[in-house]
Protein backbone atom coordinates (compact mmCIF):
# COMPACT_ATOMS: atom_id res chain seq x y z
CA MET A 1 -72.65 -38.66 -81.48
CA ASP A 2 -73.13 -40.45 -84.80
CA THR A 3 -73.11 -44.83 -84.77
CA LYS A 4 -69.70 -45.20 -85.51
CA LYS A 5 -68.40 -43.06 -82.40
CA GLN A 6 -70.49 -44.81 -80.28
CA THR A 7 -69.28 -48.22 -81.16
CA ASN A 8 -65.92 -47.14 -80.62
CA LYS A 9 -66.53 -45.76 -77.57
CA LYS A 10 -68.13 -49.15 -76.67
CA ASN A 11 -65.76 -51.29 -77.91
CA SER A 12 -62.53 -49.26 -77.08
CA LYS A 13 -59.69 -51.09 -74.94
CA ILE A 14 -56.68 -50.34 -73.45
CA ILE A 15 -53.64 -51.88 -75.67
CA GLY A 16 -50.28 -52.23 -73.84
CA ILE A 17 -51.17 -52.86 -70.02
CA ALA A 18 -48.15 -54.10 -68.22
CA THR A 19 -48.04 -57.04 -65.65
CA ALA A 20 -48.16 -56.09 -61.59
CA THR A 21 -44.87 -57.94 -61.70
CA GLU A 22 -43.42 -55.71 -64.64
CA ILE A 23 -44.75 -52.51 -62.87
CA ALA A 24 -43.11 -53.30 -59.63
CA LYS A 25 -40.14 -54.14 -61.35
CA TRP A 26 -39.69 -51.04 -63.01
CA LYS A 27 -40.63 -49.35 -59.84
CA ALA A 28 -37.50 -51.21 -58.02
CA ASP A 29 -35.51 -50.10 -60.61
CA HIS A 30 -36.25 -46.72 -61.38
CA THR A 31 -38.42 -45.48 -58.42
CA PHE A 32 -40.85 -43.71 -60.29
CA ILE A 33 -42.89 -44.65 -63.39
CA PHE A 34 -45.70 -42.34 -65.43
CA GLU A 35 -48.83 -43.79 -67.15
CA ARG A 36 -49.27 -41.60 -70.42
CA TYR A 37 -52.36 -42.80 -72.64
CA VAL A 38 -53.12 -42.07 -76.19
CA THR A 39 -56.47 -43.05 -78.36
CA ASP A 40 -56.38 -43.65 -81.57
CA PRO A 41 -58.62 -43.25 -84.46
CA ASP A 42 -60.44 -46.43 -84.19
CA GLY A 43 -61.10 -45.20 -80.32
CA ASN A 44 -58.89 -47.61 -78.88
CA HIS A 45 -56.01 -45.90 -75.98
CA HIS A 46 -52.91 -46.80 -75.87
CA ILE A 47 -50.34 -47.19 -73.07
CA ALA A 48 -47.10 -46.25 -72.48
CA TYR A 49 -45.12 -46.80 -69.36
CA LEU A 50 -42.32 -44.29 -68.92
CA LYS A 51 -39.31 -43.02 -66.31
CA ALA A 52 -38.01 -39.49 -66.27
CA LEU A 53 -34.53 -39.07 -68.08
CA ASN A 54 -31.56 -39.17 -66.15
CA PHE A 55 -29.11 -35.86 -66.11
CA THR A 56 -26.62 -38.51 -68.93
CA GLU A 57 -29.94 -39.13 -70.90
CA LEU A 58 -31.17 -35.53 -70.61
CA GLU A 59 -27.71 -34.46 -71.94
CA ALA A 60 -27.29 -36.32 -74.94
CA ALA A 61 -30.74 -35.69 -76.22
CA GLU A 62 -30.21 -31.92 -75.93
CA GLN A 63 -26.93 -31.94 -77.60
CA THR A 64 -28.41 -33.82 -80.66
CA LEU A 65 -31.65 -31.78 -80.87
CA GLU A 66 -30.29 -28.90 -82.79
CA SER A 67 -28.39 -30.89 -85.29
CA ASP A 68 -30.64 -34.09 -85.65
CA PRO A 69 -33.93 -33.54 -83.90
CA GLU A 70 -34.82 -36.87 -85.05
CA ASP A 71 -32.08 -38.74 -83.46
CA ALA A 72 -33.00 -36.81 -80.59
CA ALA A 73 -36.22 -37.82 -79.88
CA ASN A 74 -35.42 -41.50 -80.79
CA ILE A 75 -32.64 -40.81 -77.80
CA PHE A 76 -35.97 -39.33 -75.79
CA PHE A 77 -37.80 -41.85 -76.72
CA ASN A 78 -35.76 -45.04 -76.10
CA ALA A 79 -34.45 -43.90 -72.95
CA SER A 80 -37.85 -43.08 -71.11
CA PHE A 81 -40.22 -45.50 -72.43
CA LEU A 82 -40.35 -48.73 -70.34
CA GLY A 83 -43.46 -50.94 -72.18
CA GLY A 84 -46.63 -50.50 -73.23
CA SER A 85 -48.40 -50.74 -76.64
CA ASP A 86 -46.56 -51.40 -79.68
CA THR A 87 -48.40 -48.96 -81.68
CA ILE A 88 -46.69 -46.27 -79.91
CA LYS A 89 -43.09 -47.88 -80.76
CA ASN A 90 -43.90 -48.43 -84.16
CA TYR A 91 -45.84 -45.60 -85.50
CA LEU A 92 -44.08 -42.26 -86.01
CA GLN A 93 -47.08 -39.99 -84.95
CA PHE A 94 -47.53 -41.76 -81.68
CA LYS A 95 -43.58 -41.48 -80.80
CA VAL A 96 -43.24 -38.13 -81.46
CA GLY A 97 -46.10 -37.32 -79.24
CA LEU A 98 -45.39 -38.95 -76.46
CA VAL A 99 -41.69 -37.09 -76.68
CA GLU A 100 -43.93 -34.48 -75.07
CA ALA A 101 -44.91 -36.27 -72.51
CA ILE A 102 -41.16 -37.50 -71.75
CA THR A 103 -39.90 -33.82 -71.62
CA GLU A 104 -43.15 -33.24 -69.15
CA ILE A 105 -42.05 -35.53 -66.59
CA SER A 106 -38.42 -34.79 -66.85
CA LYS A 107 -38.33 -31.48 -66.00
CA PRO A 108 -37.23 -30.50 -62.72
CA VAL A 109 -39.59 -30.30 -60.01
CA SER A 110 -40.41 -27.42 -57.71
CA PHE A 111 -39.52 -26.94 -54.00
CA THR A 112 -41.42 -24.79 -51.25
CA ALA A 113 -39.92 -23.43 -47.97
CA LYS A 114 -43.50 -24.58 -46.54
CA LYS A 115 -44.36 -27.30 -44.28
CA PRO A 116 -47.22 -29.83 -45.87
């Protein structure tokens, strides 16, 4: 590992951490909150706090997806992003990358007939 990478790892930090009060409010409002992380080229970690999309939000994004993928990505992002790093909000590559995570957390859950 070269010196620059070692320095980046040593000095890296998590950017966008919410307060316990903010997280508690989001959980009260949305029940399930998801945290997702991404690392920038400087080795800093950025956090995003997300909620799963509801049916109305998901439908709005899906209807727009074919005609305007960029608008659909914005619908996904704006409906799901609760807080976190401003870098994620302000840079396209971070924002678009987060749409994949939003899609993942908004998928239906699987049920089973087996008791836990």
